[in-house]
Amino acid sequence: MIRQIMKGLPIAAVALGISTGAALAGKANDTLTWVTDRESPVVDPYFNRTRELVIIGNTAWDGLLFRDLKSGDFVPNLAKSYKWVDNVTLDFELREGVKFHDGSSFGPEDVIYTVNFTTNKDNGVVTLKNTSWMKSVEKTGPMSIRIHLVKPFPAALAYLAQAVPILADGHYDKAPMTKDGKKDFGSVPPNGTGPYKITDIVPGEKIVMVRNDDYFDGSPKGKASIKNLVYRTIKEMNTQMAELLTGGVDWIWDVPKDQAEKLQASGQVDVVNAKTMRISYLAFDVDGSSNVKAFKDKRVREAFAYAINRESIVKNLVGEAAEVINTPCHPDQVACVQDVTGRSYDPEKAKALLKEAGAEGLEFDIYAYRQREFTEAVISDLAKVGVKAKLNFMQYRKLRGLAQNGVTPVHHMTWGSYSIPDASACAGVFFSGGKDDPANDPKVNELINKAGNVTDLAERKKLYKEAFQIISDNVYWLPMFTYAKNYAYNKDLSIETTSDEIPRFYTAKWK
């Protein structure tokens, strides 16, 4: 039976057996098991910025607000109500009767602690840009607080809804010390208020959650239906698919297009291709900090923009919900202007530019961390114009460190903006100066920073357009395409696929 289902799928025979996790998954055990290929050794949304932790953060923690995906409105969550006092001041009335997973009560002190801790650079949160727009916070009543902004920030509500999970007062106070004498904040046991509690963490293998039966009434997230939720790491897609078909897991994503089509044809699972707010990009070593100096030459970077057939990659590998882009943000994000001049596929122009730059036969390492087949397509296109790229494929955390330290000549990465529907959550991360900025162009930095703090939408678009055109003209980045994901899941499972790349497992139900 299993072999008949899997006929035609390139899955090794060793993967055909049911893993030890199989007995724990599925409707019969009221356990939804979801899988990706990435590890999450740190289970803390402020000290791990992987997509998996964005999802788990949304599942086990709550923010003051919540974004209703259908209406796009920001509605109260841990807050009972909110209002703008002026363009740099927000007032919140907080919800009563909310409990953290350890049984402690939620109140103003928890919000104050969260804001003060996460905005303090000395604490080293890896998501500092998600909170640094807040200047201070104060208690204004028994269950009310006021947040002061550094300057006007039009995306404030979006960040409070998605990227500022509230911690319990003193959460990190007992963090253990590392060998170098620093506190290991990321190892503190998770303690949120969300619809699921984290009960067990096996680094590199799984994170176990159980439904929070004391979850507060009135949350826009609603109370979870399925009792147990398990996240597992399975590095090989073939093994993921085998376990899905044999009942070991219930939900997978990032399934390659050809494999998704075969899963769909099997009729054994549900398969969906859906857009996300993630984008793909190539970043170049503009300042020559790596051991390859060729990318200091704009002509070489421009040659790459002509050499890579982005349209073909989207059509043949990514899926119908994806599209080619020319700007460093997602088209669905507020103020992400699209009328910026880019470059279309033209290998002859690429060859001419490489010859002019004296870079014919260039050899270098290209770094990537997800969807190997996408980067292999890039390498294939470059080979057609005489450029030889060697692939270094690794885990996200390691690659991000190498990229920030200027080690990579070229890296092919993605960014999901924490699902914040505002251009500042992407362009503001990569082109406002700092470790993630490949160019640190003063004019671009000025325009991007100003655009992120202007409340007038027309003015924001004007500023972003000017900045994006400079980025495109100089090919500091090569925006590739918006991501579309292929999801495959148990036919007994009812779950809505969302466009923000945050599956709401707490809304899932068994049929």
Protein backbone atom coordinates (compact mmCIF):
# COMPACT_ATOMS: atom_id res chain seq x y z
CA MET A 1 0.00 0.00 0.00
CA ILE A 2 2.72 2.46 1.02
CA ARG A 3 4.82 1.58 -1.99
CA GLN A 4 1.84 2.11 -4.28
CA ILE A 5 1.17 5.53 -2.83
CA MET A 6 4.80 6.55 -3.15
CA LYS A 7 5.39 5.12 -6.59
CA GLY A 8 7.08 7.75 -8.72
CA LEU A 9 8.36 9.74 -5.76
CA PRO A 10 12.18 9.83 -5.45
CA ILE A 11 12.20 8.65 -1.85
CA ALA A 12 14.89 6.31 -0.56
CA ALA A 13 13.72 2.92 0.61
CA VAL A 14 15.05 3.61 4.08
CA ALA A 15 12.57 6.47 4.37
CA LEU A 16 9.58 4.23 3.71
CA GLY A 17 9.36 3.05 7.32
CA ILE A 18 7.32 4.90 9.90
CA SER A 19 9.55 6.85 12.28
CA THR A 20 9.28 6.73 16.06
CA GLY A 21 7.22 9.93 15.85
CA ALA A 22 4.52 8.31 13.72
CA ALA A 23 2.56 6.91 16.62
CA LEU A 24 2.28 10.38 18.14
CA ALA A 25 0.80 12.16 15.12
CA GLY A 26 -2.70 12.44 13.78
CA LYS A 27 -6.35 12.65 14.63
CA ALA A 28 -6.43 9.44 16.70
CA ASN A 29 -3.93 10.90 19.18
CA ASP A 30 -5.25 14.48 18.91
CA THR A 31 -1.69 15.50 18.00
CA LEU A 32 -0.85 17.82 15.10
CA THR A 33 2.80 17.29 14.13
CA TRP A 34 4.33 19.85 11.80
CA VAL A 35 7.79 19.68 10.29
CA THR A 36 10.45 21.82 8.62
CA ASP A 37 14.09 21.15 7.80
CA ARG A 38 15.46 23.76 10.22
CA GLU A 39 16.54 23.38 13.82
CA SER A 40 15.39 25.72 16.57
CA PRO A 41 17.93 25.33 19.38
CA VAL A 42 16.78 28.60 20.96
CA VAL A 43 13.05 28.74 21.70
CA ASP A 44 12.69 32.45 22.36
CA PRO A 45 11.25 34.94 19.84
CA TYR A 46 13.72 37.64 20.92
CA PHE A 47 16.82 35.47 20.58
CA ASN A 48 15.95 33.45 17.48
CA ARG A 49 14.72 35.11 14.29
CA THR A 50 13.96 32.01 12.19
CA ARG A 51 10.52 31.66 10.61
CA GLU A 52 9.88 28.65 12.83
CA LEU A 53 10.25 30.86 15.91
CA VAL A 54 7.99 33.52 14.38
CA ILE A 55 5.34 30.79 14.12
CA ILE A 56 5.99 29.38 17.59
CA GLY A 57 6.13 32.90 18.99
CA ASN A 58 2.68 33.55 17.57
CA THR A 59 1.45 30.25 19.02
CA ALA A 60 2.82 30.37 22.57
CA TRP A 61 2.96 34.14 23.17
CA ASP A 62 0.63 37.09 22.63
CA GLY A 63 1.14 40.73 21.74
CA LEU A 64 -0.86 43.76 22.76
CA LEU A 65 -2.57 43.70 19.36
CA PHE A 66 -3.49 41.18 16.68
CA ARG A 67 -3.84 41.62 12.92
CA ASP A 68 -7.10 40.36 11.49
CA LEU A 69 -6.01 38.88 8.16
CA LYS A 70 -9.43 39.18 6.57
CA SER A 71 -9.98 42.86 7.32
CA GLY A 72 -6.35 43.93 7.74
CA ASP A 73 -7.33 45.74 10.95
CA PHE A 74 -5.26 45.73 14.12
CA VAL A 75 -7.49 44.62 16.95
CA PRO A 76 -6.85 44.40 20.72
CA ASN A 77 -5.39 41.18 22.09
CA LEU A 78 -3.61 41.53 25.46
CA ALA A 79 -4.83 45.08 25.23
CA LYS A 80 -8.52 45.72 25.78
CA SER A 81 -8.39 48.97 23.80
CA TYR A 82 -5.88 51.44 22.40
CA LYS A 83 -5.71 54.95 20.97
CA TRP A 84 -3.21 57.34 19.48
CA VAL A 85 -2.68 60.36 21.72
CA ASP A 86 -0.50 61.97 19.06
CA ASN A 87 1.83 60.61 16.37
CA VAL A 88 4.45 59.55 18.94
CA THR A 89 2.25 58.40 21.83
CA LEU A 90 0.03 55.32 22.22
CA ASP A 91 -2.26 54.55 25.14
CA PHE A 92 -3.45 51.04 26.03
CA GLU A 93 -6.04 49.67 28.40
CA LEU A 94 -4.98 46.13 29.26
CA ARG A 95 -7.09 43.02 29.44
CA GLU A 96 -7.82 41.62 32.90
CA GLY A 97 -7.87 37.97 33.86
CA VAL A 98 -4.99 36.86 31.62
CA LYS A 99 -2.54 34.29 32.99
CA PHE A 100 0.95 33.35 31.87
CA HIS A 101 1.64 29.66 31.43
CA ASP A 102 3.36 29.55 34.83
CA GLY A 103 0.14 30.78 36.46
CA SER A 104 1.23 34.37 37.12
CA SER A 105 -1.14 37.21 36.25
CA PHE A 106 -0.60 39.57 33.32
CA GLY A 107 -0.48 43.31 34.00
CA PRO A 108 1.25 46.63 33.19
CA GLU A 109 4.54 45.56 34.78
CA ASP A 110 4.92 42.81 32.17
CA VAL A 111 4.59 45.25 29.27
CA ILE A 112 7.00 47.68 30.91
CA TYR A 113 9.53 44.91 31.52
CA THR A 114 9.24 43.65 27.94
CA VAL A 115 9.73 47.07 26.37
CA ASN A 116 12.58 48.07 28.67
CA PHE A 117 14.44 44.79 28.24
CA THR A 118 14.09 44.43 24.49
CA THR A 119 14.95 48.05 23.64
CA ASN A 120 18.15 47.92 25.72
CA LYS A 121 21.00 47.28 23.26
CA ASP A 122 23.12 45.76 26.03
CA ASN A 123 20.77 42.78 26.26
CA GLY A 124 21.59 41.71 22.73
CA VAL A 125 18.18 40.72 21.42
CA VAL A 126 18.57 39.63 17.80
CA THR A 127 15.34 41.39 16.89
CA LEU A 128 16.32 44.88 18.10
CA LYS A 129 14.82 46.64 15.06
CA ASN A 130 11.45 45.20 16.05
CA THR A 131 11.43 47.24 19.25
CA SER A 132 13.96 50.07 18.88
CA TRP A 133 11.27 52.44 17.58
CA MET A 134 9.90 52.61 21.15
CA LYS A 135 11.48 55.26 23.37
CA SER A 136 9.89 54.43 26.71
CA VAL A 137 6.82 53.03 28.45
CA GLU A 138 5.02 54.07 31.62
CA LYS A 139 2.17 52.85 33.77
CA THR A 140 -0.81 55.19 33.67
CA GLY A 141 -3.30 53.25 35.79
CA PRO A 142 -3.95 49.88 37.46
CA MET A 143 -4.36 48.22 34.04
CA SER A 144 -3.12 50.82 31.57
CA ILE A 145 0.16 51.86 29.99
CA ARG A 146 1.49 54.54 27.63
CA ILE A 147 4.17 53.90 25.00
CA HIS A 148 6.30 56.78 23.74
CA LEU A 149 7.84 56.44 20.29
CA VAL A 150 11.31 57.68 19.35
CA LYS A 151 9.74 59.46 16.37
CA PRO A 152 6.65 58.94 14.20
CA PHE A 153 6.57 55.33 13.03
CA PRO A 154 3.65 54.38 10.77
CA ALA A 155 4.25 50.65 11.21
CA ALA A 156 3.97 50.75 15.02
CA LEU A 157 0.67 48.88 15.24
CA ALA A 158 1.91 46.17 12.89
CA TYR A 159 4.97 45.56 15.04
CA LEU A 160 2.96 45.50 18.25
CA ALA A 161 0.64 42.95 16.68
CA GLN A 162 3.28 40.63 15.30
CA ALA A 163 6.81 41.31 16.54
CA VAL A 164 6.53 42.33 20.21
CA PRO A 165 5.41 39.29 22.24
CA ILE A 166 4.87 40.17 25.88
CA LEU A 167 7.09 38.56 28.51
CA ALA A 168 6.42 38.14 32.22
CA ASP A 169 8.03 40.70 34.51
CA GLY A 170 11.56 39.53 35.39
CA HIS A 171 11.51 36.77 32.77
CA TYR A 172 15.26 36.85 32.14
CA ASP A 173 16.40 37.62 35.68
CA LYS A 174 17.52 34.05 36.39
CA ALA A 175 19.20 33.43 33.04
CA PRO A 176 22.25 31.17 33.49
CA MET A 177 25.75 32.42 32.78
CA THR A 178 27.76 31.28 29.77
CA LYS A 179 31.45 30.34 29.88
CA ASP A 180 32.41 33.84 28.76
CA GLY A 181 30.58 35.40 31.68
CA LYS A 182 27.49 36.61 29.83
CA LYS A 183 23.88 35.72 30.56
CA ASP A 184 22.34 33.11 28.27
CA PHE A 185 18.94 34.76 27.89
CA GLY A 186 17.87 32.38 25.11
CA SER A 187 17.99 29.36 27.44
CA VAL A 188 15.35 30.67 29.85
CA PRO A 189 12.31 28.34 29.83
CA PRO A 190 9.49 29.72 27.61
CA ASN A 191 6.58 31.36 29.42
CA GLY A 192 3.94 33.10 27.34
CA THR A 193 0.21 33.68 27.47
CA GLY A 194 -0.67 32.09 24.12
CA PRO A 195 -3.11 29.34 23.12
CA TYR A 196 -0.41 26.65 23.43
CA LYS A 197 2.15 26.01 26.19
CA ILE A 198 5.65 24.73 25.42
CA THR A 199 6.23 21.65 27.57
CA ASP A 200 9.36 20.01 26.16
CA ILE A 201 12.34 21.01 24.04
CA VAL A 202 14.76 18.52 22.51
CA PRO A 203 17.34 20.67 20.66
CA GLY A 204 17.64 19.73 17.02
CA GLU A 205 14.73 17.30 17.22
CA LYS A 206 11.41 18.62 18.48
CA ILE A 207 9.44 21.17 20.46
CA VAL A 208 6.34 19.86 22.21
CA MET A 209 3.32 22.03 23.01
CA VAL A 210 0.00 21.36 24.70
CA ARG A 211 -3.22 23.33 24.46
CA ASN A 212 -3.59 26.08 27.05
CA ASP A 213 -7.00 25.20 28.47
CA ASP A 214 -6.88 28.36 30.60
CA TYR A 215 -6.44 30.63 27.59
CA PHE A 216 -8.37 33.83 28.11
CA ASP A 217 -11.82 34.46 26.71
CA GLY A 218 -12.12 37.15 24.07
CA SER A 219 -8.76 36.67 22.36
CA PRO A 220 -9.03 37.23 18.58
CA LYS A 221 -6.92 34.07 18.21
CA GLY A 222 -9.64 31.97 19.79
CA LYS A 223 -9.10 28.83 21.83
CA ALA A 224 -7.27 25.91 20.27
CA SER A 225 -9.18 22.81 19.25
CA ILE A 226 -6.38 20.25 18.90
CA LYS A 227 -4.83 19.18 22.20
CA ASN A 228 -1.20 18.52 21.27
CA LEU A 229 1.06 20.39 18.87
CA VAL A 230 4.54 19.08 18.04
CA TYR A 231 7.21 20.74 15.92
CA ARG A 232 9.85 18.37 14.53
CA THR A 233 13.05 18.90 12.56
CA ILE A 234 13.49 16.55 9.60
CA LYS A 235 16.26 17.76 7.32
CA GLU A 236 15.50 15.69 4.23
CA MET A 237 12.40 16.58 2.21
CA ASN A 238 12.13 12.98 0.98
CA THR A 239 11.85 11.81 4.57
CA GLN A 240 9.30 14.52 5.36
CA MET A 241 7.12 13.37 2.49
CA ALA A 242 7.51 9.72 3.45
CA GLU A 243 6.39 10.45 7.01
CA LEU A 244 3.47 12.54 5.79
CA LEU A 245 2.26 9.70 3.59
CA THR A 246 2.73 7.07 6.30
CA GLY A 247 1.13 9.10 9.10
CA GLY A 248 4.24 10.14 11.02
CA VAL A 249 3.59 13.86 10.49
CA ASP A 250 0.56 15.94 9.56
CA TRP A 251 1.86 19.12 7.92
CA ILE A 252 4.90 20.10 5.83
CA TRP A 253 5.82 23.05 3.60
CA ASP A 254 8.51 24.18 1.16
CA VAL A 255 7.79 21.08 -0.91
CA PRO A 256 9.58 21.36 -4.30
CA LYS A 257 7.16 22.03 -7.14
CA ASP A 258 7.66 18.69 -8.92
CA GLN A 259 7.28 16.76 -5.67
CA ALA A 260 4.18 18.72 -4.73
CA GLU A 261 2.62 17.79 -8.04
CA LYS A 262 3.33 14.10 -7.37
CA LEU A 263 1.90 14.33 -3.86
CA GLN A 264 -1.19 15.98 -5.32
CA ALA A 265 -1.53 13.21 -7.90
CA SER A 266 -1.29 10.54 -5.19
CA GLY A 267 -4.58 11.76 -3.72
CA GLN A 268 -3.38 10.82 -0.23
CA VAL A 269 -2.81 14.35 1.13
CA ASP A 270 -4.02 17.89 0.52
CA VAL A 271 -1.60 20.16 -1.39
CA VAL A 272 -1.82 23.95 -1.72
CA ASN A 273 0.43 26.50 -3.44
CA ALA A 274 0.05 29.89 -1.77
CA LYS A 275 1.86 33.20 -1.75
CA THR A 276 3.72 34.49 1.27
CA MET A 277 5.19 37.81 2.36
CA ARG A 278 8.70 36.40 1.92
CA ILE A 279 11.03 37.57 -0.83
CA SER A 280 14.17 36.04 -2.34
CA TYR A 281 17.27 38.14 -3.04
CA LEU A 282 20.95 38.04 -3.96
CA ALA A 283 23.26 40.34 -1.99
CA PHE A 284 26.75 41.21 -3.20
CA ASP A 285 30.01 42.00 -1.43
CA VAL A 286 29.91 45.61 -2.54
CA ASP A 287 32.76 46.82 -0.32
CA GLY A 288 35.17 43.97 -1.06
CA SER A 289 35.33 42.61 2.48
CA SER A 290 35.32 38.97 1.28
CA ASN A 291 38.19 37.22 -0.47
CA VAL A 292 36.61 38.00 -3.87
CA LYS A 293 36.99 41.62 -4.93
CA ALA A 294 35.17 41.38 -8.26
CA PHE A 295 31.83 42.46 -6.81
CA LYS A 296 33.16 45.91 -5.96
CA ASP A 297 32.72 46.52 -9.70
CA LYS A 298 29.15 47.53 -10.51
CA ARG A 299 29.50 46.00 -13.99
CA VAL A 300 29.95 42.53 -12.49
CA ARG A 301 26.90 42.92 -10.27
CA GLU A 302 24.91 44.22 -13.23
CA ALA A 303 26.02 41.26 -15.32
CA PHE A 304 24.49 38.95 -12.73
CA ALA A 305 21.20 40.84 -12.96
CA TYR A 306 21.12 40.15 -16.71
CA ALA A 307 22.43 36.58 -16.46
CA ILE A 308 19.82 35.16 -14.06
CA ASN A 309 16.49 34.16 -15.59
CA ARG A 310 14.22 35.02 -12.68
CA GLU A 311 11.07 34.53 -14.73
CA SER A 312 12.07 30.95 -15.51
CA ILE A 313 12.84 30.18 -11.87
CA VAL A 314 9.42 31.48 -10.82
CA LYS A 315 7.56 29.59 -13.53
CA ASN A 316 9.38 26.27 -13.26
CA LEU A 317 10.38 26.04 -9.61
CA VAL A 318 8.55 28.44 -7.31
CA GLY A 319 4.91 28.29 -8.36
CA GLU A 320 2.07 30.28 -9.81
CA ALA A 321 1.56 32.38 -6.69
CA ALA A 322 5.05 33.92 -7.02
CA GLU A 323 6.20 36.92 -9.07
CA VAL A 324 9.47 38.57 -10.10
CA ILE A 325 10.29 41.78 -8.20
CA ASN A 326 12.72 44.69 -8.63
CA THR A 327 12.45 46.31 -5.21
CA PRO A 328 13.74 45.27 -1.75
CA CYS A 329 10.33 44.60 -0.24
CA HIS A 330 7.15 42.64 -0.93
CA PRO A 331 4.50 44.21 -3.21
CA ASP A 332 1.83 43.56 -0.56
CA GLN A 333 3.66 45.70 2.00
CA VAL A 334 2.46 49.26 2.55
CA ALA A 335 4.59 51.79 0.62
CA CYS A 336 6.49 49.12 -1.33
CA VAL A 337 6.51 50.98 -4.65
CA GLN A 338 6.92 48.84 -7.75
CA ASP A 339 7.57 51.36 -10.53
CA VAL A 340 11.35 51.07 -10.29
CA THR A 341 13.50 50.26 -13.32
CA GLY A 342 15.13 46.85 -13.11
CA ARG A 343 16.81 44.48 -15.55
CA SER A 344 15.41 41.62 -17.61
CA TYR A 345 17.11 38.40 -18.64
CA ASP A 346 19.75 39.11 -21.28
CA PRO A 347 22.76 36.73 -21.18
CA GLU A 348 24.52 38.53 -24.06
CA LYS A 349 24.53 41.79 -22.12
CA ALA A 350 25.83 39.85 -19.12
CA LYS A 351 28.74 38.44 -21.15
CA ALA A 352 29.60 41.88 -22.53
CA LEU A 353 29.66 43.45 -19.07
CA LEU A 354 31.82 40.67 -17.65
CA LYS A 355 34.28 41.09 -20.53
CA GLU A 356 34.35 44.85 -20.06
CA ALA A 357 35.05 44.37 -16.33
CA GLY A 358 37.76 41.79 -17.00
CA ALA A 359 35.76 39.22 -15.03
CA GLU A 360 35.36 36.52 -17.68
CA GLY A 361 35.72 33.09 -16.12
CA LEU A 362 35.05 34.48 -12.62
CA GLU A 363 34.98 31.81 -9.90
CA PHE A 364 33.50 32.39 -6.45
CA ASP A 365 31.47 30.81 -3.65
CA ILE A 366 27.74 31.48 -3.42
CA TYR A 367 26.07 30.89 -0.06
CA ALA A 368 22.48 29.79 0.55
CA TYR A 369 20.31 28.09 3.17
CA ARG A 370 16.94 27.12 1.73
CA GLN A 371 15.43 25.70 -1.45
CA ARG A 372 18.72 24.41 -2.83
CA GLU A 373 17.10 23.97 -6.23
CA PHE A 374 16.51 27.73 -6.52
CA THR A 375 20.18 28.51 -5.97
CA GLU A 376 21.23 25.69 -8.27
CA ALA A 377 19.15 27.35 -11.00
CA VAL A 378 21.04 30.60 -10.37
CA ILE A 379 24.35 28.74 -10.63
CA SER A 380 23.22 27.13 -13.90
CA ASP A 381 22.32 30.50 -15.41
CA LEU A 382 25.66 31.98 -14.37
CA ALA A 383 27.51 29.06 -15.93
CA LYS A 384 25.90 29.94 -19.27
CA VAL A 385 27.73 33.29 -19.25
CA GLY A 386 31.05 31.77 -18.19
CA VAL A 387 30.84 32.31 -14.44
CA LYS A 388 31.53 29.41 -12.08
CA ALA A 389 29.83 29.49 -8.68
CA LYS A 390 30.44 26.90 -5.97
CA LEU A 391 27.49 26.36 -3.62
CA ASN A 392 27.97 26.55 0.14
CA PHE A 393 24.66 25.38 1.62
CA MET A 394 24.22 25.71 5.38
CA GLN A 395 21.88 26.46 8.28
CA TYR A 396 20.37 29.95 8.44
CA ARG A 397 21.97 31.05 11.70
CA LYS A 398 25.47 30.25 10.51
CA LEU A 399 24.97 31.89 7.13
CA ARG A 400 23.47 35.04 8.61
CA GLY A 401 26.55 35.47 10.78
CA LEU A 402 28.88 35.03 7.80
CA ALA A 403 26.85 37.49 5.73
CA GLN A 404 26.84 40.11 8.49
CA ASN A 405 30.60 39.73 8.92
CA GLY A 406 31.26 40.30 5.22
CA VAL A 407 32.60 36.80 4.52
CA THR A 408 30.28 35.95 1.62
CA PRO A 409 31.06 37.21 -1.92
CA VAL A 410 27.41 36.55 -2.84
CA HIS A 411 24.62 35.13 -0.73
CA HIS A 412 21.21 33.99 -1.86
CA MET A 413 18.83 34.46 1.03
CA THR A 414 15.23 35.28 1.83
CA TRP A 415 13.41 37.60 4.18
CA GLY A 416 9.89 37.22 5.55
CA SER A 417 9.71 40.59 7.35
CA TYR A 418 8.25 38.88 10.44
CA SER A 419 5.08 39.11 8.30
CA ILE A 420 4.91 42.86 8.99
CA PRO A 421 2.85 44.38 6.15
CA ASP A 422 5.02 47.48 5.78
CA ALA A 423 8.03 48.21 3.56
CA SER A 424 10.06 49.33 6.57
CA ALA A 425 10.13 45.71 7.78
CA CYS A 426 12.27 44.73 4.79
CA ALA A 427 13.95 47.76 3.22
CA GLY A 428 14.40 49.24 6.68
CA VAL A 429 16.34 46.17 7.80
CA PHE A 430 18.72 45.91 4.85
CA PHE A 431 19.29 49.50 3.73
CA SER A 432 19.29 51.67 6.83
CA GLY A 433 22.95 51.11 7.74
CA GLY A 434 24.44 48.43 9.95
CA LYS A 435 25.45 44.79 9.70
CA ASP A 436 22.72 43.75 7.27
CA ASP A 437 23.35 46.61 4.82
CA PRO A 438 25.54 45.43 1.90
CA ALA A 439 26.38 48.96 0.72
CA ASN A 440 25.85 51.48 3.54
CA ASP A 441 25.19 54.12 0.92
CA PRO A 442 24.64 57.36 2.91
CA LYS A 443 21.98 58.69 0.53
CA VAL A 444 20.06 55.41 0.53
CA ASN A 445 20.28 55.20 4.33
CA GLU A 446 18.94 58.74 4.67
CA LEU A 447 15.99 58.10 2.34
CA ILE A 448 15.09 54.72 3.86
CA ASN A 449 15.26 55.96 7.44
CA LYS A 450 13.18 59.02 6.60
CA ALA A 451 10.58 56.95 4.74
CA GLY A 452 10.20 54.67 7.75
CA ASN A 453 9.25 57.58 9.97
CA VAL A 454 7.00 59.65 7.72
CA THR A 455 3.27 59.23 8.27
CA ASP A 456 2.14 60.68 4.93
CA LEU A 457 1.81 57.71 2.58
CA ALA A 458 2.46 59.66 -0.62
CA GLU A 459 5.66 61.11 0.83
CA ARG A 460 6.75 57.68 2.04
CA LYS A 461 6.31 56.22 -1.43
CA LYS A 462 8.27 59.07 -3.00
CA LEU A 463 11.18 58.54 -0.61
CA TYR A 464 11.19 54.76 -1.03
CA LYS A 465 11.05 55.06 -4.82
CA GLU A 466 14.12 57.30 -4.89
CA ALA A 467 16.01 54.95 -2.58
CA PHE A 468 14.96 51.82 -4.46
CA GLN A 469 16.07 53.30 -7.79
CA ILE A 470 19.55 54.01 -6.38
CA ILE A 471 19.73 50.44 -5.07
CA SER A 472 18.66 49.10 -8.47
CA ASP A 473 20.96 51.37 -10.47
CA ASN A 474 23.95 50.25 -8.40
CA VAL A 475 22.78 46.63 -8.05
CA TYR A 476 23.55 46.55 -4.34
CA TRP A 477 20.93 43.81 -4.22
CA LEU A 478 19.24 41.74 -6.86
CA PRO A 479 15.63 41.29 -5.70
CA MET A 480 14.59 37.94 -7.16
CA PHE A 481 10.95 37.04 -6.56
CA THR A 482 8.21 36.77 -4.00
CA TYR A 483 7.99 33.37 -2.42
CA ALA A 484 5.18 30.93 -2.91
CA LYS A 485 5.08 27.83 -0.77
CA ASN A 486 3.76 24.39 -1.47
CA TYR A 487 2.00 23.06 1.61
CA ALA A 488 1.06 19.41 2.02
CA TYR A 489 -0.98 18.09 4.92
CA ASN A 490 -3.08 15.30 6.37
CA LYS A 491 -6.51 15.02 4.74
CA ASP A 492 -8.05 14.73 8.22
CA LEU A 493 -6.73 18.22 9.03
CA SER A 494 -8.67 21.41 8.46
CA ILE A 495 -6.33 24.43 8.43
CA GLU A 496 -6.42 27.68 6.48
CA THR A 497 -3.34 28.62 4.46
CA THR A 498 -2.51 32.26 5.17
CA SER A 499 -0.59 34.70 2.98
CA ASP A 500 1.58 35.98 5.83
CA GLU A 501 3.54 32.71 6.22
CA ILE A 502 2.34 32.19 9.78
CA PRO A 503 0.20 29.05 9.94
CA ARG A 504 -2.36 29.51 12.71
CA PHE A 505 -2.14 26.04 14.20
CA TYR A 506 -4.36 27.17 17.04
CA THR A 507 -7.22 27.50 14.52
CA ALA A 508 -6.70 23.99 13.10
CA LYS A 509 -9.32 21.30 13.61
CA TRP A 510 -9.75 17.64 12.79
CA LYS A 511 -12.42 16.92 10.20
